[in-house]
């Protein structure tokens, strides 16, 4: 992760290639933080923490993209691009569950960039 771009208080760091296809999940790290980068089926990129908040399953290995959400296959918790967590029952009922951390990201210069948190 080299060549950070700075703009005022924002610091952007390249995290993955923008060639990431819809439905694909890749694992990465930023410093000591485990992250995943994935693209919705509509084509929107998302960068979030790699571990499901339910039982800590790694979404790089135990996750699958369904539409605009990523699903943890361990217990079927679902997460939107903004990190909201849900569990969908057999009847289709959706119950709110724990949320997951999402990092601001953008596509530029054939890369997906994330914004570093101010405390880093």
Protein backbone atom coordinates (compact mmCIF):
# COMPACT_ATOMS: atom_id res chain seq x y z
CA UNK A 1 0.00 0.00 0.00
CA UNK A 2 2.21 2.80 -1.19
CA UNK A 3 1.69 6.23 -2.66
CA UNK A 4 -1.13 7.48 -0.43
CA UNK A 5 -3.06 10.40 -1.86
CA UNK A 6 -3.81 13.18 0.57
CA UNK A 7 -6.51 15.79 0.21
CA UNK A 8 -7.02 17.99 3.24
CA UNK A 9 -7.80 15.66 6.13
CA UNK A 10 -8.41 12.66 3.87
CA UNK A 11 -5.70 10.12 3.16
CA UNK A 12 -6.47 7.57 0.47
CA UNK A 13 -4.56 4.31 0.02
CA UNK A 14 -4.85 1.83 -2.91
CA UNK A 15 -6.14 -1.50 -1.64
CA UNK A 16 -7.08 -3.56 -4.74
CA UNK A 17 -7.25 -3.51 -8.51
CA UNK A 18 -10.37 -1.97 -10.03
CA UNK A 19 -10.44 -4.99 -12.37
CA UNK A 20 -12.32 -6.84 -9.60
CA UNK A 21 -15.33 -8.47 -11.26
CA UNK A 22 -18.87 -8.27 -9.85
CA UNK A 23 -19.47 -11.01 -7.27
CA UNK A 24 -15.77 -11.48 -6.48
CA UNK A 25 -14.33 -11.18 -2.96
CA UNK A 26 -10.61 -10.67 -2.31
CA UNK A 27 -8.77 -10.70 1.00
CA UNK A 28 -6.26 -8.02 1.92
CA UNK A 29 -4.64 -6.35 4.92
CA UNK A 30 -3.99 -2.75 5.81
CA UNK A 31 -1.38 -2.62 8.52
CA UNK A 32 -2.66 -5.28 10.96
CA UNK A 33 -6.31 -5.04 9.93
CA UNK A 34 -7.88 -7.92 7.96
CA UNK A 35 -10.14 -6.59 5.21
CA UNK A 36 -12.12 -7.86 2.24
CA UNK A 37 -12.78 -6.03 -1.01
CA UNK A 38 -15.83 -7.09 -2.98
CA UNK A 39 -17.98 -5.85 -5.81
CA UNK A 40 -21.77 -6.06 -5.85
CA UNK A 41 -23.51 -7.62 -8.83
CA UNK A 42 -24.49 -4.07 -9.88
CA UNK A 43 -20.76 -3.21 -9.92
CA UNK A 44 -20.28 -1.15 -6.75
CA UNK A 45 -17.04 -1.78 -4.81
CA UNK A 46 -17.06 -2.26 -1.05
CA UNK A 47 -14.27 -2.60 1.51
CA UNK A 48 -15.11 -3.96 4.95
CA UNK A 49 -13.62 -5.78 7.88
CA UNK A 50 -13.04 -9.43 7.04
CA UNK A 51 -14.61 -11.09 10.09
CA UNK A 52 -18.35 -11.64 10.54
CA UNK A 53 -19.38 -10.15 13.90
CA UNK A 54 -21.48 -13.21 14.72
CA UNK A 55 -18.87 -15.93 15.21
CA UNK A 56 -15.81 -14.39 13.58
CA UNK A 57 -15.92 -16.40 10.32
CA UNK A 58 -13.66 -14.93 7.66
CA UNK A 59 -15.79 -13.53 4.84
CA UNK A 60 -12.99 -14.04 2.33
CA UNK A 61 -13.37 -17.79 2.76
CA UNK A 62 -16.94 -18.07 4.08
CA UNK A 63 -18.62 -15.23 2.19
CA UNK A 64 -20.56 -15.02 -1.05
CA UNK A 65 -21.98 -12.01 -2.89
CA UNK A 66 -25.74 -12.07 -3.47
CA UNK A 67 -26.94 -9.03 -5.36
CA UNK A 68 -25.98 -5.95 -3.37
CA UNK A 69 -25.11 -7.85 -0.17
CA UNK A 70 -22.42 -10.18 1.07
CA UNK A 71 -23.59 -13.30 2.93
CA UNK A 72 -21.62 -15.18 5.57
CA UNK A 73 -22.24 -18.82 4.74
CA UNK A 74 -21.55 -19.97 8.30
CA UNK A 75 -24.93 -18.79 9.68
CA UNK A 76 -26.38 -16.76 6.77
CA UNK A 77 -25.90 -13.29 8.19
CA UNK A 78 -26.07 -10.71 5.39
CA UNK A 79 -24.37 -7.33 5.15
CA UNK A 80 -25.20 -4.38 2.93
CA UNK A 81 -22.60 -2.05 1.40
CA UNK A 82 -23.11 0.33 4.31
CA UNK A 83 -22.47 -2.44 6.88
CA UNK A 84 -25.99 -3.11 8.12
CA UNK A 85 -26.34 -6.70 9.31
CA UNK A 86 -29.40 -8.89 8.74
CA UNK A 87 -30.46 -12.51 9.10
CA UNK A 88 -32.99 -13.78 6.56
CA UNK A 89 -35.24 -16.60 7.73
CA UNK A 90 -36.69 -19.41 5.64
CA UNK A 91 -39.93 -17.42 5.26
CA UNK A 92 -38.06 -14.38 3.96
CA UNK A 93 -38.38 -12.41 7.19
CA UNK A 94 -35.32 -10.23 7.81
CA UNK A 95 -34.17 -9.55 11.37
CA UNK A 96 -31.57 -6.91 12.22
CA UNK A 97 -28.30 -8.31 13.51
CA UNK A 98 -24.85 -6.91 14.26
CA UNK A 99 -23.32 -4.45 11.83
CA UNK A 100 -19.87 -4.66 10.26
CA UNK A 101 -17.30 -1.90 9.72
CA UNK A 102 -17.15 -0.52 6.18
CA UNK A 103 -14.37 1.76 4.97
CA UNK A 104 -15.05 4.60 2.52
CA UNK A 105 -13.75 3.62 -0.91
CA UNK A 106 -13.49 5.02 -4.42
CA UNK A 107 -12.25 3.90 -7.83
CA UNK A 108 -9.51 5.92 -9.50
CA UNK A 109 -6.48 5.18 -11.71
CA UNK A 110 -7.51 1.52 -12.12
CA UNK A 111 -7.39 0.98 -8.34
CA UNK A 112 -9.87 0.74 -5.50
CA UNK A 113 -8.78 3.17 -2.79
CA UNK A 114 -9.80 3.30 0.86
CA UNK A 115 -9.84 6.25 3.17
CA UNK A 116 -7.67 5.79 6.24
CA UNK A 117 -9.32 6.49 9.55
CA UNK A 118 -8.19 9.70 11.24
CA UNK A 119 -6.82 7.80 14.26
CA UNK A 120 -4.26 5.91 12.14
